Amino acid sequence: MKTSDFDFDLPGELIAQRPAEPRDSARLLDLRGQLSDRVIADLPDVLEPGSLLVVNDTRVIPAQLEGRRGEAKIGVTLHKDEGAGEWLAFAKNARRLKPGDMIEFGGDFAAEVMLRDGAEVRLRFNTSAESFRNALEEHGRPPLPPYIKRPAARDQDDVADYQTMFAAHEGAVAAPTAGLHFTPDLVSKLEVGGLGLVSLTLHVGAGTFLPVTVDAVRDHKMHHEYGEISDAAADRINTARAENRKIVAIGTTALRLLESAAEPDGTLPAFRGDTNLFITPGYSFRIVDQLLTNFHLPRSTLFMLVCAFAGMGRMRAAYAHAIENRYRFFSYGDATLLERAD
């Protein structure tokens, strides 16, 4: 497969710059059967009773930092906690950096460059774990993707908007955006309607924003992300599957962790570790029956994933319909509800 096989034209004005208000008023393109135009608030009425929704409860940290190495400005986006005060990060002007350099972020908050590989650097921060979190809150900004345009100053609306209601475990540097559509009222209605909800944790990395730059899809390198599935969550999912109830992944992050942990026979053990699973057409899904997900970038690993899940022809038709009908795209945009292609 070629990366160009997953390209499409998207008018720039359809890229959402702010979320819908209220969150569950976002539009929903239902791809199960005939295409249907709905809204997120319709989910309690359209999902099959007994279905189990799997959400990602990661919490986004303010992972974008602006610093200096001498007179040079260095922009840093943290993407993976390596422990012992070290983080992997993507750096603007990375070519200016070499091992041993210090990047100053303000006050006494700084990091030493340990390694550099292209635009990626390994940084060692000069703070304790507790002080590091406080320093991030003071100096960092929400790690918005580059297609969301903001002034240099911190946008307080994004501090709340770019966080799901399920956020519990710090570590993500990108939001699991399908979860942004949920509200406490919607969750209550889902539960009244006989729908279950269970959480897992995948700390989404900034690699999710990286374009696929190779011509052949197989040559793309996925970055590792850390995830956890508890014994209790695995038991609930296995029980639902044994009872032939639908497993509905809320977002590609939940889906990728479920599929990473799944055994060949489709059972799900508890899981704790890294995943760099790259799902492309031809992948055999083991766990997930339905997927709620936002509209994704052309030529992206996430558009490849949804084509693998629902079929490339169906996704191309869906995206053409969405563009024609002025759906809003990407992180703050509208959503699709997909059925796994047999």
C-alpha atoms as a PDB file:
ATOM      1  CA  MET A   1       0.000   0.000   0.000  1.00  0.00           C
ATOM      2  CA  LYS A   2       1.069   3.555  -0.726  1.00  0.00           C
ATOM      3  CA  THR A   3       0.536   6.496   1.581  1.00  0.00           C
ATOM      4  CA  SER A   4      -1.039   8.337  -1.345  1.00  0.00           C
ATOM      5  CA  ASP A   5      -3.867   5.758  -1.304  1.00  0.00           C
ATOM      6  CA  PHE A   6      -5.105   7.459   1.876  1.00  0.00           C
ATOM      7  CA  ASP A   7      -5.076  11.038   0.597  1.00  0.00           C
ATOM      8  CA  PHE A   8      -8.094  13.301   0.171  1.00  0.00           C
ATOM      9  CA  ASP A   9      -8.764  17.019  -0.217  1.00  0.00           C
ATOM     10  CA  LEU A  10     -10.207  18.860   2.757  1.00  0.00           C
ATOM     11  CA  PRO A  11     -11.291  22.524   2.716  1.00  0.00           C
ATOM     12  CA  GLY A  12      -9.409  24.340   5.455  1.00  0.00           C
ATOM     13  CA  GLU A  13     -12.542  26.011   6.803  1.00  0.00           C
ATOM     14  CA  LEU A  14     -13.850  22.597   7.922  1.00  0.00           C
ATOM     15  CA  ILE A  15     -11.025  22.169  10.462  1.00  0.00           C
ATOM     16  CA  ALA A  16     -12.655  22.870  13.835  1.00  0.00           C
ATOM     17  CA  GLN A  17     -10.907  25.493  15.948  1.00  0.00           C
ATOM     18  CA  ARG A  18     -13.197  25.168  18.978  1.00  0.00           C
ATOM     19  CA  PRO A  19     -15.320  22.279  20.278  1.00  0.00           C
ATOM     20  CA  ALA A  20     -19.091  22.151  19.960  1.00  0.00           C
ATOM     21  CA  GLU A  21     -21.004  23.634  22.879  1.00  0.00           C
ATOM     22  CA  PRO A  22     -22.413  21.678  24.602  1.00  0.00           C
ATOM     23  CA  ARG A  23     -20.018  18.859  23.816  1.00  0.00           C
ATOM     24  CA  ASP A  24     -22.686  16.296  22.994  1.00  0.00           C
ATOM     25  CA  SER A  25     -24.228  18.610  20.376  1.00  0.00           C
ATOM     26  CA  ALA A  26     -21.425  17.696  17.957  1.00  0.00           C
ATOM     27  CA  ARG A  27     -22.624  15.988  14.796  1.00  0.00           C
ATOM     28  CA  LEU A  28     -22.358  12.234  14.365  1.00  0.00           C
ATOM     29  CA  LEU A  29     -22.164  10.428  11.034  1.00  0.00           C
ATOM     30  CA  ASP A  30     -23.528   6.921  11.628  1.00  0.00           C
ATOM     31  CA  LEU A  31     -21.948   4.477   9.174  1.00  0.00           C
ATOM     32  CA  ARG A  32     -23.696   1.348  10.409  1.00  0.00           C
ATOM     33  CA  GLY A  33     -25.874   0.401   7.479  1.00  0.00           C
ATOM     34  CA  GLN A  34     -27.052   3.382   5.441  1.00  0.00           C
ATOM     35  CA  LEU A  35     -25.282   6.684   6.184  1.00  0.00           C
ATOM     36  CA  SER A  36     -27.276   8.629   8.768  1.00  0.00           C
ATOM     37  CA  ASP A  37     -26.730  12.184  10.013  1.00  0.00           C
ATOM     38  CA  ARG A  38     -27.150  12.366  13.789  1.00  0.00           C
ATOM     39  CA  VAL A  39     -25.690  14.124  16.840  1.00  0.00           C
ATOM     40  CA  ILE A  40     -23.648  12.674  19.701  1.00  0.00           C
ATOM     41  CA  ALA A  41     -26.603  13.081  22.071  1.00  0.00           C
ATOM     42  CA  ASP A  42     -28.404  10.395  20.011  1.00  0.00           C
ATOM     43  CA  LEU A  43     -26.012   7.667  21.195  1.00  0.00           C
ATOM     44  CA  PRO A  44     -28.297   6.294  23.949  1.00  0.00           C
ATOM     45  CA  ASP A  45     -30.973   5.716  21.306  1.00  0.00           C
ATOM     46  CA  VAL A  46     -28.797   4.252  18.541  1.00  0.00           C
ATOM     47  CA  LEU A  47     -26.384   1.957  20.384  1.00  0.00           C
ATOM     48  CA  GLU A  48     -27.538  -1.582  21.048  1.00  0.00           C
ATOM     49  CA  PRO A  49     -28.647  -2.105  24.677  1.00  0.00           C
ATOM     50  CA  GLY A  50     -26.078  -4.128  26.590  1.00  0.00           C
ATOM     51  CA  SER A  51     -23.179  -2.691  24.596  1.00  0.00           C
ATOM     52  CA  LEU A  52     -20.035  -1.948  26.569  1.00  0.00           C
ATOM     53  CA  LEU A  53     -18.317   1.361  25.831  1.00  0.00           C
ATOM     54  CA  VAL A  54     -14.555   1.451  26.424  1.00  0.00           C
ATOM     55  CA  VAL A  55     -13.122   4.898  27.154  1.00  0.00           C
ATOM     56  CA  ASN A  56      -9.575   6.152  27.625  1.00  0.00           C
ATOM     57  CA  ASP A  57      -9.133   7.844  31.025  1.00  0.00           C
ATOM     58  CA  THR A  58      -5.719   9.371  30.360  1.00  0.00           C
ATOM     59  CA  ARG A  59      -5.239  12.986  31.427  1.00  0.00           C
ATOM     60  CA  VAL A  60      -3.448  15.482  29.181  1.00  0.00           C
ATOM     61  CA  ILE A  61      -0.518  17.367  30.678  1.00  0.00           C
ATOM     62  CA  PRO A  62       0.588  20.857  29.509  1.00  0.00           C
ATOM     63  CA  ALA A  63       3.340  19.329  27.397  1.00  0.00           C
ATOM     64  CA  GLN A  64       4.237  22.215  25.058  1.00  0.00           C
ATOM     65  CA  LEU A  65       7.172  24.285  26.298  1.00  0.00           C
ATOM     66  CA  GLU A  66       9.049  27.257  24.908  1.00  0.00           C
ATOM     67  CA  GLY A  67      12.684  27.537  25.943  1.00  0.00           C
ATOM     68  CA  ARG A  68      16.079  28.889  24.996  1.00  0.00           C
ATOM     69  CA  ARG A  69      19.494  27.456  24.449  1.00  0.00           C
ATOM     70  CA  GLY A  70      21.526  30.620  24.645  1.00  0.00           C
ATOM     71  CA  GLU A  71      19.896  33.030  22.166  1.00  0.00           C
ATOM     72  CA  ALA A  72      18.184  30.287  20.150  1.00  0.00           C
ATOM     73  CA  LYS A  73      14.478  29.695  20.720  1.00  0.00           C
ATOM     74  CA  ILE A  74      13.625  26.024  21.163  1.00  0.00           C
ATOM     75  CA  GLY A  75      10.043  24.742  21.083  1.00  0.00           C
ATOM     76  CA  VAL A  76       9.538  21.385  22.809  1.00  0.00           C
ATOM     77  CA  THR A  77       6.590  18.987  22.826  1.00  0.00           C
ATOM     78  CA  LEU A  78       7.006  16.184  25.352  1.00  0.00           C
ATOM     79  CA  HIS A  79       5.675  12.846  24.142  1.00  0.00           C
ATOM     80  CA  LYS A  80       6.845   9.992  26.389  1.00  0.00           C
ATOM     81  CA  ASP A  81       7.879   9.764  30.022  1.00  0.00           C
ATOM     82  CA  GLU A  82      10.985   7.573  30.250  1.00  0.00           C
ATOM     83  CA  GLY A  83      11.201   7.728  34.045  1.00  0.00           C
ATOM     84  CA  ALA A  84      13.939   9.116  36.303  1.00  0.00           C
ATOM     85  CA  GLY A  85      13.170  12.676  35.153  1.00  0.00           C
ATOM     86  CA  GLU A  86      13.747  11.925  31.466  1.00  0.00           C
ATOM     87  CA  TRP A  87      11.328  12.536  28.596  1.00  0.00           C
ATOM     88  CA  LEU A  88      11.352  11.955  24.880  1.00  0.00           C
ATOM     89  CA  ALA A  89      10.279  15.084  23.034  1.00  0.00           C
ATOM     90  CA  PHE A  90       9.975  16.621  19.606  1.00  0.00           C
ATOM     91  CA  ALA A  91      11.922  19.867  19.298  1.00  0.00           C
ATOM     92  CA  LYS A  92      11.690  22.762  16.883  1.00  0.00           C
ATOM     93  CA  ASN A  93      15.149  23.897  15.823  1.00  0.00           C
ATOM     94  CA  ALA A  94      16.430  20.513  16.996  1.00  0.00           C
ATOM     95  CA  ARG A  95      19.396  20.817  14.624  1.00  0.00           C
ATOM     96  CA  ARG A  96      20.723  23.497  16.967  1.00  0.00           C
ATOM     97  CA  LEU A  97      20.887  20.981  19.826  1.00  0.00           C
ATOM     98  CA  LYS A  98      23.576  18.518  20.813  1.00  0.00           C
ATOM     99  CA  PRO A  99      24.062  16.272  23.857  1.00  0.00           C
ATOM    100  CA  GLY A 100      25.052  18.284  26.895  1.00  0.00           C
ATOM    101  CA  ASP A 101      23.144  21.428  25.869  1.00  0.00           C
ATOM    102  CA  MET A 102      20.835  22.979  28.450  1.00  0.00           C
ATOM    103  CA  ILE A 103      17.409  24.333  27.502  1.00  0.00           C
ATOM    104  CA  GLU A 104      16.070  26.983  29.892  1.00  0.00           C
ATOM    105  CA  PHE A 105      12.270  27.190  30.192  1.00  0.00           C
ATOM    106  CA  GLY A 106      11.968  29.930  32.774  1.00  0.00           C
ATOM    107  CA  GLY A 107      12.963  30.479  36.397  1.00  0.00           C
ATOM    108  CA  ASP A 108      15.100  27.523  37.447  1.00  0.00           C
ATOM    109  CA  PHE A 109      13.209  25.030  35.215  1.00  0.00           C
ATOM    110  CA  ALA A 110      15.591  23.507  32.673  1.00  0.00           C
ATOM    111  CA  ALA A 111      16.518  20.277  30.901  1.00  0.00           C
ATOM    112  CA  GLU A 112      19.717  18.760  29.572  1.00  0.00           C
ATOM    113  CA  VAL A 113      19.788  17.237  26.099  1.00  0.00           C
ATOM    114  CA  MET A 114      20.895  13.631  26.497  1.00  0.00           C
ATOM    115  CA  LEU A 115      20.413  12.406  22.921  1.00  0.00           C
ATOM    116  CA  ARG A 116      19.145  13.742  19.596  1.00  0.00           C
ATOM    117  CA  ASP A 117      17.777  11.760  16.647  1.00  0.00           C
ATOM    118  CA  GLY A 118      16.498  14.098  13.954  1.00  0.00           C
ATOM    119  CA  ALA A 119      13.690  16.175  15.477  1.00  0.00           C
ATOM    120  CA  GLU A 120      13.435  13.915  18.529  1.00  0.00           C
ATOM    121  CA  VAL A 121      15.435  14.569  21.681  1.00  0.00           C
ATOM    122  CA  ARG A 122      15.798  12.880  25.037  1.00  0.00           C
ATOM    123  CA  LEU A 123      15.704  15.417  27.863  1.00  0.00           C
ATOM    124  CA  ARG A 124      16.658  15.110  31.523  1.00  0.00           C
ATOM    125  CA  PHE A 125      14.868  17.677  33.674  1.00  0.00           C
ATOM    126  CA  ASN A 126      16.477  19.261  36.727  1.00  0.00           C
ATOM    127  CA  THR A 127      13.512  18.795  39.062  1.00  0.00           C
ATOM    128  CA  SER A 128      11.913  16.185  41.266  1.00  0.00           C
ATOM    129  CA  ALA A 129       8.740  14.489  40.025  1.00  0.00           C
ATOM    130  CA  GLU A 130       6.519  16.733  42.156  1.00  0.00           C
ATOM    131  CA  SER A 131       8.371  19.915  41.172  1.00  0.00           C
ATOM    132  CA  PHE A 132       8.248  18.847  37.513  1.00  0.00           C
ATOM    133  CA  ARG A 133       4.438  18.732  37.527  1.00  0.00           C
ATOM    134  CA  ASN A 134       4.279  22.159  39.154  1.00  0.00           C
ATOM    135  CA  ALA A 135       6.768  23.563  36.652  1.00  0.00           C
ATOM    136  CA  LEU A 136       4.737  22.178  33.740  1.00  0.00           C
ATOM    137  CA  GLU A 137       1.597  23.844  35.084  1.00  0.00           C
ATOM    138  CA  GLU A 138       3.489  27.146  35.299  1.00  0.00           C
ATOM    139  CA  HIS A 139       5.414  27.073  32.036  1.00  0.00           C
ATOM    140  CA  GLY A 140       3.609  24.588  29.762  1.00  0.00           C
ATOM    141  CA  ARG A 141       0.632  24.922  27.465  1.00  0.00           C
ATOM    142  CA  PRO A 142      -1.971  22.388  26.305  1.00  0.00           C
ATOM    143  CA  PRO A 143      -0.333  20.378  23.495  1.00  0.00           C
ATOM    144  CA  LEU A 144      -2.769  21.345  20.757  1.00  0.00           C
ATOM    145  CA  PRO A 145      -2.160  19.887  17.304  1.00  0.00           C
ATOM    146  CA  PRO A 146      -0.688  22.278  14.742  1.00  0.00           C
ATOM    147  CA  TYR A 147      -3.930  22.665  12.775  1.00  0.00           C
ATOM    148  CA  ILE A 148      -5.572  24.396  15.771  1.00  0.00           C
ATOM    149  CA  LYS A 149      -4.343  27.978  15.579  1.00  0.00           C
ATOM    150  CA  ARG A 150      -3.731  29.917  18.760  1.00  0.00           C
ATOM    151  CA  PRO A 151      -1.770  33.032  19.770  1.00  0.00           C
ATOM    152  CA  ALA A 152       1.436  32.548  21.708  1.00  0.00           C
ATOM    153  CA  ALA A 153      -0.267  33.227  25.053  1.00  0.00           C
ATOM    154  CA  ARG A 154      -1.826  30.353  26.996  1.00  0.00           C
ATOM    155  CA  ASP A 155      -5.519  29.929  26.105  1.00  0.00           C
ATOM    156  CA  GLN A 156      -7.466  29.168  29.269  1.00  0.00           C
ATOM    157  CA  ASP A 157     -10.434  27.761  27.345  1.00  0.00           C
ATOM    158  CA  ASP A 158      -8.213  25.038  25.913  1.00  0.00           C
ATOM    159  CA  VAL A 159      -7.049  24.015  29.395  1.00  0.00           C
ATOM    160  CA  ALA A 160     -10.572  22.694  30.010  1.00  0.00           C
ATOM    161  CA  ASP A 161     -11.693  22.018  26.444  1.00  0.00           C
ATOM    162  CA  TYR A 162      -8.753  19.736  25.589  1.00  0.00           C
ATOM    163  CA  GLN A 163      -9.538  17.331  28.431  1.00  0.00           C
ATOM    164  CA  THR A 164     -12.194  14.609  28.566  1.00  0.00           C
ATOM    165  CA  MET A 165     -14.610  14.137  31.453  1.00  0.00           C
ATOM    166  CA  PHE A 166     -12.967  10.735  32.026  1.00  0.00           C
ATOM    167  CA  ALA A 167      -9.453  12.172  32.557  1.00  0.00           C
ATOM    168  CA  ALA A 168      -7.943  10.555  35.661  1.00  0.00           C
ATOM    169  CA  HIS A 169      -4.350   9.422  35.071  1.00  0.00           C
ATOM    170  CA  GLU A 170      -1.792  12.023  33.991  1.00  0.00           C
ATOM    171  CA  GLY A 171       0.537  11.286  31.132  1.00  0.00           C
ATOM    172  CA  ALA A 172      -1.005  12.037  27.741  1.00  0.00           C
ATOM    173  CA  VAL A 173       0.390  14.761  25.510  1.00  0.00           C
ATOM    174  CA  ALA A 174      -2.554  14.564  23.120  1.00  0.00           C
ATOM    175  CA  ALA A 175      -6.221  14.184  23.993  1.00  0.00           C
ATOM    176  CA  PRO A 176      -8.192  11.018  23.178  1.00  0.00           C
ATOM    177  CA  THR A 177     -10.514  13.244  21.184  1.00  0.00           C
ATOM    178  CA  ALA A 178     -13.542  10.956  20.773  1.00  0.00           C
ATOM    179  CA  GLY A 179     -13.958  11.228  24.546  1.00  0.00           C
ATOM    180  CA  LEU A 180     -14.248  15.016  24.303  1.00  0.00           C
ATOM    181  CA  HIS A 181     -17.861  14.619  23.125  1.00  0.00           C
ATOM    182  CA  PHE A 182     -19.099  13.097  26.388  1.00  0.00           C
ATOM    183  CA  THR A 183     -20.891  14.911  29.201  1.00  0.00           C
ATOM    184  CA  PRO A 184     -22.116  13.672  32.601  1.00  0.00           C
ATOM    185  CA  ASP A 185     -25.703  13.977  31.347  1.00  0.00           C
ATOM    186  CA  LEU A 186     -24.946  11.843  28.290  1.00  0.00           C
ATOM    187  CA  VAL A 187     -23.230   9.176  30.400  1.00  0.00           C
ATOM    188  CA  SER A 188     -26.244   9.059  32.733  1.00  0.00           C
ATOM    189  CA  LYS A 189     -28.575   8.534  29.775  1.00  0.00           C
ATOM    190  CA  LEU A 190     -26.320   5.794  28.395  1.00  0.00           C
ATOM    191  CA  GLU A 191     -26.438   3.963  31.727  1.00  0.00           C
ATOM    192  CA  VAL A 192     -30.236   4.338  31.991  1.00  0.00           C
ATOM    193  CA  GLY A 193     -30.450   2.903  28.472  1.00  0.00           C
ATOM    194  CA  GLY A 194     -28.673  -0.277  29.537  1.00  0.00           C
ATOM    195  CA  LEU A 195     -25.237   0.598  28.174  1.00  0.00           C
ATOM    196  CA  GLY A 196     -22.094  -0.094  30.198  1.00  0.00           C
ATOM    197  CA  LEU A 197     -18.901   1.920  30.461  1.00  0.00           C
ATOM    198  CA  VAL A 198     -15.398   0.770  31.358  1.00  0.00           C
ATOM    199  CA  SER A 199     -12.050   2.594  31.362  1.00  0.00           C
ATOM    200  CA  LEU A 200      -8.526   1.807  30.275  1.00  0.00           C
ATOM    201  CA  THR A 201      -5.499   4.093  30.049  1.00  0.00           C
ATOM    202  CA  LEU A 202      -3.369   4.871  27.002  1.00  0.00           C
ATOM    203  CA  HIS A 203      -1.076   7.866  27.382  1.00  0.00           C
ATOM    204  CA  VAL A 204      -1.402   9.311  23.904  1.00  0.00           C
ATOM    205  CA  GLY A 205       1.873  10.584  22.484  1.00  0.00           C
ATOM    206  CA  ALA A 206       2.595  13.539  20.214  1.00  0.00           C
ATOM    207  CA  GLY A 207       3.572  11.011  17.557  1.00  0.00           C
ATOM    208  CA  THR A 208      -0.132  10.897  16.763  1.00  0.00           C
ATOM    209  CA  PHE A 209       0.337  14.298  15.092  1.00  0.00           C
ATOM    210  CA  LEU A 210       3.263  13.226  12.945  1.00  0.00           C
ATOM    211  CA  PRO A 211       2.565  12.957   9.217  1.00  0.00           C
ATOM    212  CA  VAL A 212       3.366   9.789   7.317  1.00  0.00           C
ATOM    213  CA  THR A 213       6.247  10.956   5.130  1.00  0.00           C
ATOM    214  CA  VAL A 214       7.262   7.657   3.509  1.00  0.00           C
ATOM    215  CA  ASP A 215       5.829   6.505   0.191  1.00  0.00           C
ATOM    216  CA  ALA A 216       5.244   2.905   1.299  1.00  0.00           C
ATOM    217  CA  VAL A 217       2.938   2.517   4.313  1.00  0.00           C
ATOM    218  CA  ARG A 218       4.971  -0.419   5.640  1.00  0.00           C
ATOM    219  CA  ASP A 219       8.013   1.856   6.068  1.00  0.00           C
ATOM    220  CA  HIS A 220       6.313   4.189   8.571  1.00  0.00           C
ATOM    221  CA  LYS A 221       7.649   4.042  12.134  1.00  0.00           C
ATOM    222  CA  MET A 222       5.086   4.253  14.938  1.00  0.00           C
ATOM    223  CA  HIS A 223       6.150   5.737  18.262  1.00  0.00           C
ATOM    224  CA  HIS A 224       5.606   3.781  21.468  1.00  0.00           C
ATOM    225  CA  GLU A 225       2.846   4.764  23.889  1.00  0.00           C
ATOM    226  CA  TYR A 226       2.288   3.430  27.410  1.00  0.00           C
ATOM    227  CA  GLY A 227      -1.000   1.819  28.380  1.00  0.00           C
ATOM    228  CA  GLU A 228      -2.749  -0.141  31.124  1.00  0.00           C
ATOM    229  CA  ILE A 229      -5.811  -2.399  31.260  1.00  0.00           C
ATOM    230  CA  SER A 230      -6.795  -3.491  34.764  1.00  0.00           C
ATOM    231  CA  ASP A 231      -7.907  -6.992  35.720  1.00  0.00           C
ATOM    232  CA  ALA A 232     -11.387  -5.650  36.446  1.00  0.00           C
ATOM    233  CA  ALA A 233     -11.657  -3.936  33.055  1.00  0.00           C
ATOM    234  CA  ALA A 234     -10.424  -7.034  31.222  1.00  0.00           C
ATOM    235  CA  ASP A 235     -12.957  -9.191  33.097  1.00  0.00           C
ATOM    236  CA  ARG A 236     -15.848  -6.904  32.156  1.00  0.00           C
ATOM    237  CA  ILE A 237     -14.831  -6.858  28.497  1.00  0.00           C
ATOM    238  CA  ASN A 238     -14.358 -10.625  28.360  1.00  0.00           C
ATOM    239  CA  THR A 239     -17.759 -11.150  29.996  1.00  0.00           C
ATOM    240  CA  ALA A 240     -19.452  -8.824  27.521  1.00  0.00           C
ATOM    241  CA  ARG A 241     -17.870 -10.666  24.599  1.00  0.00           C
ATOM    242  CA  ALA A 242     -18.872 -14.047  26.004  1.00  0.00           C
ATOM    243  CA  GLU A 243     -22.457 -12.766  26.204  1.00  0.00           C
ATOM    244  CA  ASN A 244     -22.303 -11.522  22.578  1.00  0.00           C
ATOM    245  CA  ARG A 245     -22.651  -7.897  23.622  1.00  0.00           C
ATOM    246  CA  LYS A 246     -21.063  -5.218  21.459  1.00  0.00           C
ATOM    247  CA  ILE A 247     -17.678  -3.767  22.420  1.00  0.00           C
ATOM    248  CA  VAL A 248     -17.673  -0.104  21.409  1.00  0.00           C
ATOM    249  CA  ALA A 249     -14.272   1.612  21.480  1.00  0.00           C
ATOM    250  CA  ILE A 250     -14.535   5.321  22.203  1.00  0.00           C
ATOM    251  CA  GLY A 251     -11.661   6.492  20.052  1.00  0.00           C
ATOM    252  CA  THR A 252      -8.772   4.951  18.196  1.00  0.00           C
ATOM    253  CA  THR A 253      -6.597   5.066  21.328  1.00  0.00           C
ATOM    254  CA  ALA A 254      -8.937   2.714  23.206  1.00  0.00           C
ATOM    255  CA  LEU A 255      -9.145   0.471  20.149  1.00  0.00           C
ATOM    256  CA  ARG A 256      -5.365   0.295  19.682  1.00  0.00           C
ATOM    257  CA  LEU A 257      -4.750  -0.665  23.300  1.00  0.00           C
ATOM    258  CA  LEU A 258      -7.464  -3.331  23.254  1.00  0.00           C
ATOM    259  CA  GLU A 259      -6.101  -4.834  20.063  1.00  0.00           C
ATOM    260  CA  SER A 260      -2.514  -4.619  21.360  1.00  0.00           C
ATOM    261  CA  ALA A 261      -3.399  -6.599  24.471  1.00  0.00           C
ATOM    262  CA  ALA A 262      -5.742  -9.151  22.879  1.00  0.00           C
ATOM    263  CA  GLU A 263      -4.750 -12.802  22.675  1.00  0.00           C
ATOM    264  CA  PRO A 264      -4.992 -14.594  19.298  1.00  0.00           C
ATOM    265  CA  ASP A 265      -8.231 -16.279  20.442  1.00  0.00           C
ATOM    266  CA  GLY A 266      -9.836 -12.907  21.215  1.00  0.00           C
ATOM    267  CA  THR A 267      -9.588 -13.049  24.998  1.00  0.00           C
ATOM    268  CA  LEU A 268      -8.303  -9.955  26.756  1.00  0.00           C
ATOM    269  CA  PRO A 269      -5.775 -10.223  29.604  1.00  0.00           C
ATOM    270  CA  ALA A 270      -4.808  -7.400  31.911  1.00  0.00           C
ATOM    271  CA  PHE A 271      -2.062  -5.332  30.311  1.00  0.00           C
ATOM    272  CA  ARG A 272       0.663  -2.926  31.355  1.00  0.00           C
ATOM    273  CA  GLY A 273       3.317  -1.796  28.901  1.00  0.00           C
ATOM    274  CA  ASP A 274       4.108  -0.046  25.642  1.00  0.00           C
ATOM    275  CA  THR A 275       2.411  -0.421  22.296  1.00  0.00           C
ATOM    276  CA  ASN A 276       3.358   0.756  18.826  1.00  0.00           C
ATOM    277  CA  LEU A 277       0.629  -1.192  17.011  1.00  0.00           C
ATOM    278  CA  PHE A 278       0.142   0.125  13.463  1.00  0.00           C
ATOM    279  CA  ILE A 279      -3.241  -0.914  12.071  1.00  0.00           C
ATOM    280  CA  THR A 280      -3.671  -0.836   8.296  1.00  0.00           C
ATOM    281  CA  PRO A 281      -6.110  -2.537   5.890  1.00  0.00           C
ATOM    282  CA  GLY A 282      -5.772  -6.300   6.175  1.00  0.00           C
ATOM    283  CA  TYR A 283      -5.542  -6.288   9.975  1.00  0.00           C
ATOM    284  CA  SER A 284      -7.803  -8.847  11.713  1.00  0.00           C
ATOM    285  CA  PHE A 285      -9.595  -7.231  14.668  1.00  0.00           C
ATOM    286  CA  ARG A 286     -10.000  -9.391  17.762  1.00  0.00           C
ATOM    287  CA  ILE A 287     -11.960  -7.344  20.287  1.00  0.00           C
ATOM    288  CA  VAL A 288     -13.752  -4.252  18.980  1.00  0.00           C
ATOM    289  CA  ASP A 289     -17.129  -4.392  17.204  1.00  0.00           C
ATOM    290  CA  GLN A 290     -17.883  -0.688  16.842  1.00  0.00           C
ATOM    291  CA  LEU A 291     -15.798   2.483  16.957  1.00  0.00           C
ATOM    292  CA  LEU A 292     -16.716   6.075  17.765  1.00  0.00           C
ATOM    293  CA  THR A 293     -14.003   8.333  16.387  1.00  0.00           C
ATOM    294  CA  ASN A 294     -13.467  11.828  15.010  1.00  0.00           C
ATOM    295  CA  PHE A 295     -12.674  12.631  11.390  1.00  0.00           C
ATOM    296  CA  HIS A 296      -8.959  12.190  10.742  1.00  0.00           C
ATOM    297  CA  LEU A 297      -6.228  13.811   8.671  1.00  0.00           C
ATOM    298  CA  PRO A 298      -5.519  12.673   5.128  1.00  0.00           C
ATOM    299  CA  ARG A 299      -2.497  10.365   4.796  1.00  0.00           C
ATOM    300  CA  SER A 300      -2.529   9.763   8.570  1.00  0.00           C
ATOM    301  CA  THR A 301      -2.122   6.516  10.496  1.00  0.00           C
ATOM    302  CA  LEU A 302      -5.566   7.122  12.014  1.00  0.00           C
ATOM    303  CA  PHE A 303      -7.292   7.375   8.632  1.00  0.00           C
ATOM    304  CA  MET A 304      -5.509   4.142   7.717  1.00  0.00           C
ATOM    305  CA  LEU A 305      -6.887   2.569  10.907  1.00  0.00           C
ATOM    306  CA  VAL A 306     -10.513   3.505  10.199  1.00  0.00           C
ATOM    307  CA  CYS A 307     -10.140   2.238   6.622  1.00  0.00           C
ATOM    308  CA  ALA A 308      -8.910  -1.060   8.071  1.00  0.00           C
ATOM    309  CA  PHE A 309     -11.854  -1.176  10.481  1.00  0.00           C
ATOM    310  CA  ALA A 310     -14.777  -0.198   8.244  1.00  0.00           C
ATOM    311  CA  GLY A 311     -13.379  -0.601   4.709  1.00  0.00           C
ATOM    312  CA  MET A 312     -11.596   1.921   2.515  1.00  0.00           C
ATOM    313  CA  GLY A 313     -14.481   2.353   0.086  1.00  0.00           C
ATOM    314  CA  ARG A 314     -16.940   2.981   2.897  1.00  0.00           C
ATOM    315  CA  MET A 315     -14.662   5.502   4.584  1.00  0.00           C
ATOM    316  CA  ARG A 316     -14.014   7.394   1.367  1.00  0.00           C
ATOM    317  CA  ALA A 317     -17.763   7.635   0.759  1.00  0.00           C
ATOM    318  CA  ALA A 318     -18.307   8.748   4.354  1.00  0.00           C
ATOM    319  CA  TYR A 319     -15.657  11.451   4.193  1.00  0.00           C
ATOM    320  CA  ALA A 320     -17.020  12.716   0.869  1.00  0.00           C
ATOM    321  CA  HIS A 321     -20.472  12.929   2.483  1.00  0.00           C
ATOM    322  CA  ALA A 322     -19.028  14.720   5.513  1.00  0.00           C
ATOM    323  CA  ILE A 323     -17.221  17.296   3.384  1.00  0.00           C
ATOM    324  CA  GLU A 324     -20.280  17.915   1.229  1.00  0.00           C
ATOM    325  CA  ASN A 325     -22.450  18.342   4.324  1.00  0.00           C
ATOM    326  CA  ARG A 326     -19.970  20.579   6.146  1.00  0.00           C
ATOM    327  CA  TYR A 327     -19.055  18.344   9.066  1.00  0.00           C
ATOM    328  CA  ARG A 328     -16.265  19.712  11.250  1.00  0.00           C
ATOM    329  CA  PHE A 329     -12.963  17.817  11.180  1.00  0.00           C
ATOM    330  CA  PHE A 330     -10.134  16.743  13.491  1.00  0.00           C
ATOM    331  CA  SER A 331      -9.608  17.088  17.248  1.00  0.00           C
ATOM    332  CA  TYR A 332     -12.367  19.582  18.073  1.00  0.00           C
ATOM    333  CA  GLY A 333     -14.605  18.376  15.269  1.00  0.00           C
ATOM    334  CA  ASP A 334     -17.495  15.980  14.753  1.00  0.00           C
ATOM    335  CA  ALA A 335     -17.493  12.177  14.928  1.00  0.00           C
ATOM    336  CA  THR A 336     -18.315   8.979  13.090  1.00  0.00           C
ATOM    337  CA  LEU A 337     -19.806   5.731  14.406  1.00  0.00           C
ATOM    338  CA  LEU A 338     -18.326   2.737  12.582  1.00  0.00           C
ATOM    339  CA  GLU A 339     -19.151  -0.953  12.384  1.00  0.00           C
ATOM    340  CA  ARG A 340     -16.334  -3.443  11.880  1.00  0.00           C
ATOM    341  CA  ALA A 341     -16.300  -4.797   8.335  1.00  0.00           C
ATOM    342  CA  ASP A 342     -16.526  -8.601   8.227  1.00  0.00           C
END
